[in-house]
Amino acid sequence: MPTVAIPTVTNRLAGSGTIVANILGVFFKPYGGSEEATAGQLTFGGTDPALHTTGITYAFVTNRAPASNYWGIDQSITYGGAPILANAVGIVDSGHNLIALATEAFQLYQAATGAQRDPMTGLLVITVNQYIVMQNLNFHIDGVTFALTPNAQIWPRVLNYRIGGQYGSMYLVVRDIGTQVGQGDYDIINGYVFMQRFYTVFDTANSRVGFAQTQFTAANTN
């Protein structure tokens, strides 16, 4: 059966001339202190400068297959100053709630945080004392560091009940991707929780992905 390519919404809009550029700007706001609808905004055909506080850093889509078939970009990760994953490829995917790392990298992260697996949720869980000494989880992309603060690394506590968790517990939003480094299609998933902290631009015309800080990048909302 022949493969049929189905154009995306932005492809259709750009092809029809409805938007001037095949670009999608994506903004998500993290959850606040109470359960409420998370605000977000899609900008078709460009970006909205009012939604980010720094310039946009762009990284070209990787040439490493099969990640090159997605919004895959080359990146490295450190926790504080400790290497977690070097010279890796990851995909940017708002359809994935969490951040996923190849197994070895996940194990390094777990050891660095001192977290334990929670049998009820399947996520890593930490104590308050461990949270106090947590370091930033740094994504190094095209020479720029995008740091997830300790607060950005925990699941919104007000929503613990939605994942079968205990009230007040601190669950980490980093999970095991399930394959060894270099053995899967990609080693990192920059999921929804990452995009809640960084304005994201999908630039189809130039085959690149962009990130910028927002007013919520370092917010203590979780």
C-alpha atoms as a PDB file:
ATOM      1  CA  MET A   1       0.000   0.000   0.000  1.00  0.00           C
ATOM      2  CA  PRO A   2       1.481   3.383  -0.970  1.00  0.00           C
ATOM      3  CA  THR A   3       2.360   5.859   1.753  1.00  0.00           C
ATOM      4  CA  VAL A   4       0.154   8.945   1.785  1.00  0.00           C
ATOM      5  CA  ALA A   5       1.483  12.157   3.315  1.00  0.00           C
ATOM      6  CA  ILE A   6      -1.208  14.094   5.168  1.00  0.00           C
ATOM      7  CA  PRO A   7      -0.424  17.810   5.476  1.00  0.00           C
ATOM      8  CA  THR A   8      -0.493  19.407   8.904  1.00  0.00           C
ATOM      9  CA  VAL A   9      -2.774  22.315   9.786  1.00  0.00           C
ATOM     10  CA  THR A  10       0.093  24.788   9.392  1.00  0.00           C
ATOM     11  CA  ASN A  11       1.067  23.201   6.063  1.00  0.00           C
ATOM     12  CA  ARG A  12      -2.469  23.727   4.795  1.00  0.00           C
ATOM     13  CA  LEU A  13      -2.654  27.295   6.088  1.00  0.00           C
ATOM     14  CA  ALA A  14       0.714  28.190   4.595  1.00  0.00           C
ATOM     15  CA  GLY A  15      -0.089  26.480   1.311  1.00  0.00           C
ATOM     16  CA  SER A  16      -3.343  28.386   0.976  1.00  0.00           C
ATOM     17  CA  GLY A  17      -1.705  31.707   1.823  1.00  0.00           C
ATOM     18  CA  THR A  18      -3.781  32.100   4.992  1.00  0.00           C
ATOM     19  CA  ILE A  19      -0.574  32.561   6.986  1.00  0.00           C
ATOM     20  CA  VAL A  20       2.579  34.173   5.640  1.00  0.00           C
ATOM     21  CA  ALA A  21       5.016  31.629   7.098  1.00  0.00           C
ATOM     22  CA  ASN A  22       4.843  27.949   7.980  1.00  0.00           C
ATOM     23  CA  ILE A  23       5.572  28.580  11.648  1.00  0.00           C
ATOM     24  CA  LEU A  24       3.730  27.669  14.835  1.00  0.00           C
ATOM     25  CA  GLY A  25       4.419  29.389  18.158  1.00  0.00           C
ATOM     26  CA  VAL A  26       3.307  27.451  21.246  1.00  0.00           C
ATOM     27  CA  PHE A  27       2.813  28.821  24.749  1.00  0.00           C
ATOM     28  CA  PHE A  28       1.718  26.816  27.771  1.00  0.00           C
ATOM     29  CA  LYS A  29       1.287  28.094  31.316  1.00  0.00           C
ATOM     30  CA  PRO A  30       2.069  25.767  34.246  1.00  0.00           C
ATOM     31  CA  TYR A  31      -0.584  24.884  36.785  1.00  0.00           C
ATOM     32  CA  GLY A  32      -0.976  27.314  39.661  1.00  0.00           C
ATOM     33  CA  GLY A  33      -1.757  26.728  43.308  1.00  0.00           C
ATOM     34  CA  SER A  34      -5.267  25.490  42.628  1.00  0.00           C
ATOM     35  CA  GLU A  35      -6.752  23.225  40.009  1.00  0.00           C
ATOM     36  CA  GLU A  36      -7.691  25.376  37.067  1.00  0.00           C
ATOM     37  CA  ALA A  37      -7.557  25.212  33.298  1.00  0.00           C
ATOM     38  CA  THR A  38      -4.004  25.740  32.128  1.00  0.00           C
ATOM     39  CA  ALA A  39      -3.800  28.717  29.812  1.00  0.00           C
ATOM     40  CA  GLY A  40      -2.120  28.348  26.461  1.00  0.00           C
ATOM     41  CA  GLN A  41      -1.889  30.027  23.103  1.00  0.00           C
ATOM     42  CA  LEU A  42      -1.072  28.907  19.574  1.00  0.00           C
ATOM     43  CA  THR A  43       0.245  31.487  17.123  1.00  0.00           C
ATOM     44  CA  PHE A  44      -0.073  30.403  13.499  1.00  0.00           C
ATOM     45  CA  GLY A  45       2.283  31.990  10.998  1.00  0.00           C
ATOM     46  CA  GLY A  46       4.739  33.505  13.490  1.00  0.00           C
ATOM     47  CA  THR A  47       5.515  34.117  17.138  1.00  0.00           C
ATOM     48  CA  ASP A  48       4.058  36.377  19.819  1.00  0.00           C
ATOM     49  CA  PRO A  49       6.784  38.488  21.508  1.00  0.00           C
ATOM     50  CA  ALA A  50       4.422  39.230  24.396  1.00  0.00           C
ATOM     51  CA  LEU A  51       4.629  35.582  25.472  1.00  0.00           C
ATOM     52  CA  HIS A  52       8.395  35.224  25.905  1.00  0.00           C
ATOM     53  CA  THR A  53      10.934  37.233  27.862  1.00  0.00           C
ATOM     54  CA  THR A  54      14.142  36.371  26.006  1.00  0.00           C
ATOM     55  CA  GLY A  55      15.173  35.987  22.403  1.00  0.00           C
ATOM     56  CA  ILE A  56      14.395  32.730  20.645  1.00  0.00           C
ATOM     57  CA  THR A  57      17.216  30.201  20.260  1.00  0.00           C
ATOM     58  CA  TYR A  58      16.790  27.971  17.219  1.00  0.00           C
ATOM     59  CA  ALA A  59      18.179  24.483  16.636  1.00  0.00           C
ATOM     60  CA  PHE A  60      17.925  22.759  13.286  1.00  0.00           C
ATOM     61  CA  VAL A  61      16.142  19.430  13.095  1.00  0.00           C
ATOM     62  CA  THR A  62      18.725  16.682  13.538  1.00  0.00           C
ATOM     63  CA  ASN A  63      20.038  14.722  10.582  1.00  0.00           C
ATOM     64  CA  ARG A  64      20.077  11.544  12.675  1.00  0.00           C
ATOM     65  CA  ALA A  65      17.333   9.153  11.625  1.00  0.00           C
ATOM     66  CA  PRO A  66      14.729   8.232  12.707  1.00  0.00           C
ATOM     67  CA  ALA A  67      14.501  11.257  15.021  1.00  0.00           C
ATOM     68  CA  SER A  68      14.878  13.429  11.923  1.00  0.00           C
ATOM     69  CA  ASN A  69      11.363  12.352  10.984  1.00  0.00           C
ATOM     70  CA  TYR A  70      10.035  14.092  14.091  1.00  0.00           C
ATOM     71  CA  TRP A  71      10.821  17.451  15.649  1.00  0.00           C
ATOM     72  CA  GLY A  72      14.139  15.952  16.713  1.00  0.00           C
ATOM     73  CA  ILE A  73      17.061  18.079  17.861  1.00  0.00           C
ATOM     74  CA  ASP A  74      20.569  17.378  19.124  1.00  0.00           C
ATOM     75  CA  GLN A  75      21.089  18.138  22.801  1.00  0.00           C
ATOM     76  CA  SER A  76      22.941  17.221  25.977  1.00  0.00           C
ATOM     77  CA  ILE A  77      21.757  17.117  29.589  1.00  0.00           C
ATOM     78  CA  THR A  78      23.402  17.848  32.919  1.00  0.00           C
ATOM     79  CA  TYR A  79      22.033  17.798  36.445  1.00  0.00           C
ATOM     80  CA  GLY A  80      23.642  20.689  38.243  1.00  0.00           C
ATOM     81  CA  GLY A  81      27.188  20.254  36.937  1.00  0.00           C
ATOM     82  CA  ALA A  82      27.033  16.475  36.566  1.00  0.00           C
ATOM     83  CA  PRO A  83      26.742  14.916  33.092  1.00  0.00           C
ATOM     84  CA  ILE A  84      23.555  12.961  32.490  1.00  0.00           C
ATOM     85  CA  LEU A  85      23.464  12.491  28.733  1.00  0.00           C
ATOM     86  CA  ALA A  86      25.898  13.787  26.102  1.00  0.00           C
ATOM     87  CA  ASN A  87      25.602  14.218  22.350  1.00  0.00           C
ATOM     88  CA  ALA A  88      22.088  12.831  22.295  1.00  0.00           C
ATOM     89  CA  VAL A  89      19.044  13.376  20.129  1.00  0.00           C
ATOM     90  CA  GLY A  90      15.605  14.124  21.509  1.00  0.00           C
ATOM     91  CA  ILE A  91      12.198  15.015  20.174  1.00  0.00           C
ATOM     92  CA  VAL A  92       9.946  17.900  21.174  1.00  0.00           C
ATOM     93  CA  ASP A  93       6.454  16.521  21.720  1.00  0.00           C
ATOM     94  CA  SER A  94       3.586  18.294  23.464  1.00  0.00           C
ATOM     95  CA  GLY A  95       1.581  15.067  23.292  1.00  0.00           C
ATOM     96  CA  HIS A  96       3.882  13.472  25.872  1.00  0.00           C
ATOM     97  CA  ASN A  97       3.118  14.775  29.363  1.00  0.00           C
ATOM     98  CA  LEU A  98       6.501  14.146  30.961  1.00  0.00           C
ATOM     99  CA  ILE A  99      10.205  14.260  30.178  1.00  0.00           C
ATOM    100  CA  ALA A 100      11.646  10.904  29.172  1.00  0.00           C
ATOM    101  CA  LEU A 101      15.298   9.877  29.217  1.00  0.00           C
ATOM    102  CA  ALA A 102      17.136   6.815  27.951  1.00  0.00           C
ATOM    103  CA  THR A 103      17.562   4.243  30.712  1.00  0.00           C
ATOM    104  CA  GLU A 104      21.174   4.968  31.678  1.00  0.00           C
ATOM    105  CA  ALA A 105      20.496   8.705  31.813  1.00  0.00           C
ATOM    106  CA  PHE A 106      17.354   8.139  33.848  1.00  0.00           C
ATOM    107  CA  GLN A 107      19.307   6.027  36.327  1.00  0.00           C
ATOM    108  CA  LEU A 108      21.941   8.758  36.691  1.00  0.00           C
ATOM    109  CA  TYR A 109      19.200  11.293  37.329  1.00  0.00           C
ATOM    110  CA  GLN A 110      17.532   9.050  39.885  1.00  0.00           C
ATOM    111  CA  ALA A 111      20.818   8.527  41.711  1.00  0.00           C
ATOM    112  CA  ALA A 112      21.607  12.248  41.677  1.00  0.00           C
ATOM    113  CA  THR A 113      18.236  13.213  43.151  1.00  0.00           C
ATOM    114  CA  GLY A 114      18.079  10.290  45.568  1.00  0.00           C
ATOM    115  CA  ALA A 115      14.549   9.578  44.372  1.00  0.00           C
ATOM    116  CA  GLN A 116      12.762   6.246  44.755  1.00  0.00           C
ATOM    117  CA  ARG A 117      10.216   4.647  42.462  1.00  0.00           C
ATOM    118  CA  ASP A 118       6.686   5.007  43.760  1.00  0.00           C
ATOM    119  CA  PRO A 119       4.750   1.746  43.247  1.00  0.00           C
ATOM    120  CA  MET A 120       1.391   3.498  43.020  1.00  0.00           C
ATOM    121  CA  THR A 121       2.212   5.988  40.263  1.00  0.00           C
ATOM    122  CA  GLY A 122       5.311   4.479  38.674  1.00  0.00           C
ATOM    123  CA  LEU A 123       7.002   7.863  38.997  1.00  0.00           C
ATOM    124  CA  LEU A 124      10.011   8.864  41.035  1.00  0.00           C
ATOM    125  CA  VAL A 125       9.177  10.369  44.414  1.00  0.00           C
ATOM    126  CA  ILE A 126      11.364  12.527  46.671  1.00  0.00           C
ATOM    127  CA  THR A 127      11.209  13.858  50.210  1.00  0.00           C
ATOM    128  CA  VAL A 128      11.005  17.506  51.190  1.00  0.00           C
ATOM    129  CA  ASN A 129      14.648  17.425  52.293  1.00  0.00           C
ATOM    130  CA  GLN A 130      15.696  16.026  48.922  1.00  0.00           C
ATOM    131  CA  TYR A 131      13.695  18.712  47.159  1.00  0.00           C
ATOM    132  CA  ILE A 132      15.453  21.446  49.115  1.00  0.00           C
ATOM    133  CA  VAL A 133      18.849  20.407  47.736  1.00  0.00           C
ATOM    134  CA  MET A 134      17.743  19.608  44.192  1.00  0.00           C
ATOM    135  CA  GLN A 135      19.706  21.096  41.293  1.00  0.00           C
ATOM    136  CA  ASN A 136      18.579  22.378  37.924  1.00  0.00           C
ATOM    137  CA  LEU A 137      18.116  19.852  35.144  1.00  0.00           C
ATOM    138  CA  ASN A 138      19.895  21.532  32.230  1.00  0.00           C
ATOM    139  CA  PHE A 139      19.187  20.965  28.554  1.00  0.00           C
ATOM    140  CA  HIS A 140      22.049  22.240  26.395  1.00  0.00           C
ATOM    141  CA  ILE A 141      20.702  23.067  22.953  1.00  0.00           C
ATOM    142  CA  ASP A 142      22.677  24.834  20.223  1.00  0.00           C
ATOM    143  CA  GLY A 143      25.058  26.369  22.755  1.00  0.00           C
ATOM    144  CA  VAL A 144      22.332  27.664  25.084  1.00  0.00           C
ATOM    145  CA  THR A 145      21.289  26.154  28.418  1.00  0.00           C
ATOM    146  CA  PHE A 146      17.595  25.727  29.180  1.00  0.00           C
ATOM    147  CA  ALA A 147      17.317  24.968  32.876  1.00  0.00           C
ATOM    148  CA  LEU A 148      14.403  23.237  34.532  1.00  0.00           C
ATOM    149  CA  THR A 149      14.355  24.425  38.117  1.00  0.00           C
ATOM    150  CA  PRO A 150      13.615  21.993  40.942  1.00  0.00           C
ATOM    151  CA  ASN A 151       9.995  23.181  40.981  1.00  0.00           C
ATOM    152  CA  ALA A 152       9.697  22.521  37.243  1.00  0.00           C
ATOM    153  CA  GLN A 153      10.890  18.954  37.834  1.00  0.00           C
ATOM    154  CA  ILE A 154       7.983  18.006  40.117  1.00  0.00           C
ATOM    155  CA  TRP A 155       4.421  17.130  39.211  1.00  0.00           C
ATOM    156  CA  PRO A 156       1.841  19.761  40.289  1.00  0.00           C
ATOM    157  CA  ARG A 157       0.980  18.639  43.793  1.00  0.00           C
ATOM    158  CA  VAL A 158      -2.612  19.822  43.513  1.00  0.00           C
ATOM    159  CA  LEU A 159      -3.041  17.212  40.762  1.00  0.00           C
ATOM    160  CA  ASN A 160      -1.493  14.274  42.634  1.00  0.00           C
ATOM    161  CA  TYR A 161      -4.855  12.567  42.871  1.00  0.00           C
ATOM    162  CA  ARG A 162      -5.055  12.409  39.070  1.00  0.00           C
ATOM    163  CA  ILE A 163      -2.058  10.085  38.906  1.00  0.00           C
ATOM    164  CA  GLY A 164      -3.044   8.013  41.914  1.00  0.00           C
ATOM    165  CA  GLY A 165      -0.554   9.799  44.135  1.00  0.00           C
ATOM    166  CA  GLN A 166      -0.695  10.832  47.762  1.00  0.00           C
ATOM    167  CA  TYR A 167      -1.649  14.329  48.839  1.00  0.00           C
ATOM    168  CA  GLY A 168       1.420  16.539  49.329  1.00  0.00           C
ATOM    169  CA  SER A 169       3.942  14.048  47.956  1.00  0.00           C
ATOM    170  CA  MET A 170       6.547  15.223  45.463  1.00  0.00           C
ATOM    171  CA  TYR A 171       6.650  13.206  42.264  1.00  0.00           C
ATOM    172  CA  LEU A 172       9.250  13.922  39.593  1.00  0.00           C
ATOM    173  CA  VAL A 173       8.229  14.459  35.980  1.00  0.00           C
ATOM    174  CA  VAL A 174      11.219  12.596  34.539  1.00  0.00           C
ATOM    175  CA  ARG A 175      10.631   8.983  33.510  1.00  0.00           C
ATOM    176  CA  ASP A 176      12.529   6.115  31.898  1.00  0.00           C
ATOM    177  CA  ILE A 177      12.066   6.019  28.129  1.00  0.00           C
ATOM    178  CA  GLY A 178      12.595   2.246  28.260  1.00  0.00           C
ATOM    179  CA  THR A 179      15.552   1.853  25.894  1.00  0.00           C
ATOM    180  CA  GLN A 180      19.308   2.083  26.328  1.00  0.00           C
ATOM    181  CA  VAL A 181      21.222   5.118  25.051  1.00  0.00           C
ATOM    182  CA  GLY A 182      21.442   4.988  21.273  1.00  0.00           C
ATOM    183  CA  GLN A 183      19.194   1.944  20.998  1.00  0.00           C
ATOM    184  CA  GLY A 184      15.826   3.647  20.513  1.00  0.00           C
ATOM    185  CA  ASP A 185      14.519   6.133  17.980  1.00  0.00           C
ATOM    186  CA  TYR A 186      15.628   8.925  20.328  1.00  0.00           C
ATOM    187  CA  ASP A 187      17.078   9.273  23.827  1.00  0.00           C
ATOM    188  CA  ILE A 188      15.055  12.240  25.112  1.00  0.00           C
ATOM    189  CA  ILE A 189      11.472  13.438  24.943  1.00  0.00           C
ATOM    190  CA  ASN A 190      11.051  17.126  25.705  1.00  0.00           C
ATOM    191  CA  GLY A 191       7.402  16.809  26.622  1.00  0.00           C
ATOM    192  CA  TYR A 192       4.571  19.041  27.751  1.00  0.00           C
ATOM    193  CA  VAL A 193       6.129  19.841  31.125  1.00  0.00           C
ATOM    194  CA  PHE A 194       9.223  21.175  29.318  1.00  0.00           C
ATOM    195  CA  MET A 195       7.112  23.299  27.002  1.00  0.00           C
ATOM    196  CA  GLN A 196       5.252  24.742  30.005  1.00  0.00           C
ATOM    197  CA  ARG A 197       8.507  26.443  30.957  1.00  0.00           C
ATOM    198  CA  PHE A 198       9.785  27.494  27.522  1.00  0.00           C
ATOM    199  CA  TYR A 199       8.015  29.163  24.627  1.00  0.00           C
ATOM    200  CA  THR A 200       8.395  26.790  21.694  1.00  0.00           C
ATOM    201  CA  VAL A 201       8.483  27.518  17.982  1.00  0.00           C
ATOM    202  CA  PHE A 202       8.039  24.912  15.263  1.00  0.00           C
ATOM    203  CA  ASP A 203       9.504  26.457  12.117  1.00  0.00           C
ATOM    204  CA  THR A 204       8.654  24.048   9.316  1.00  0.00           C
ATOM    205  CA  ALA A 205       9.892  26.378   6.570  1.00  0.00           C
ATOM    206  CA  ASN A 206      13.432  26.344   7.970  1.00  0.00           C
ATOM    207  CA  SER A 207      13.390  22.858   9.574  1.00  0.00           C
ATOM    208  CA  ARG A 208      14.171  24.137  13.047  1.00  0.00           C
ATOM    209  CA  VAL A 209      12.771  24.359  16.571  1.00  0.00           C
ATOM    210  CA  GLY A 210      13.094  27.418  18.780  1.00  0.00           C
ATOM    211  CA  PHE A 211      12.916  28.002  22.534  1.00  0.00           C
ATOM    212  CA  ALA A 212      12.724  31.086  24.717  1.00  0.00           C
ATOM    213  CA  GLN A 213      12.151  31.787  28.381  1.00  0.00           C
ATOM    214  CA  THR A 214       8.787  33.010  29.624  1.00  0.00           C
ATOM    215  CA  GLN A 215       7.577  34.618  32.818  1.00  0.00           C
ATOM    216  CA  PHE A 216       6.898  31.084  34.065  1.00  0.00           C
ATOM    217  CA  THR A 217      10.313  29.542  33.347  1.00  0.00           C
ATOM    218  CA  ALA A 218      11.428  29.831  36.970  1.00  0.00           C
ATOM    219  CA  ALA A 219       7.995  30.109  38.603  1.00  0.00           C
ATOM    220  CA  ASN A 220       7.281  28.061  41.745  1.00  0.00           C
ATOM    221  CA  THR A 221       3.844  26.905  40.670  1.00  0.00           C
ATOM    222  CA  ASN A 222       4.029  23.182  41.318  1.00  0.00           C
END
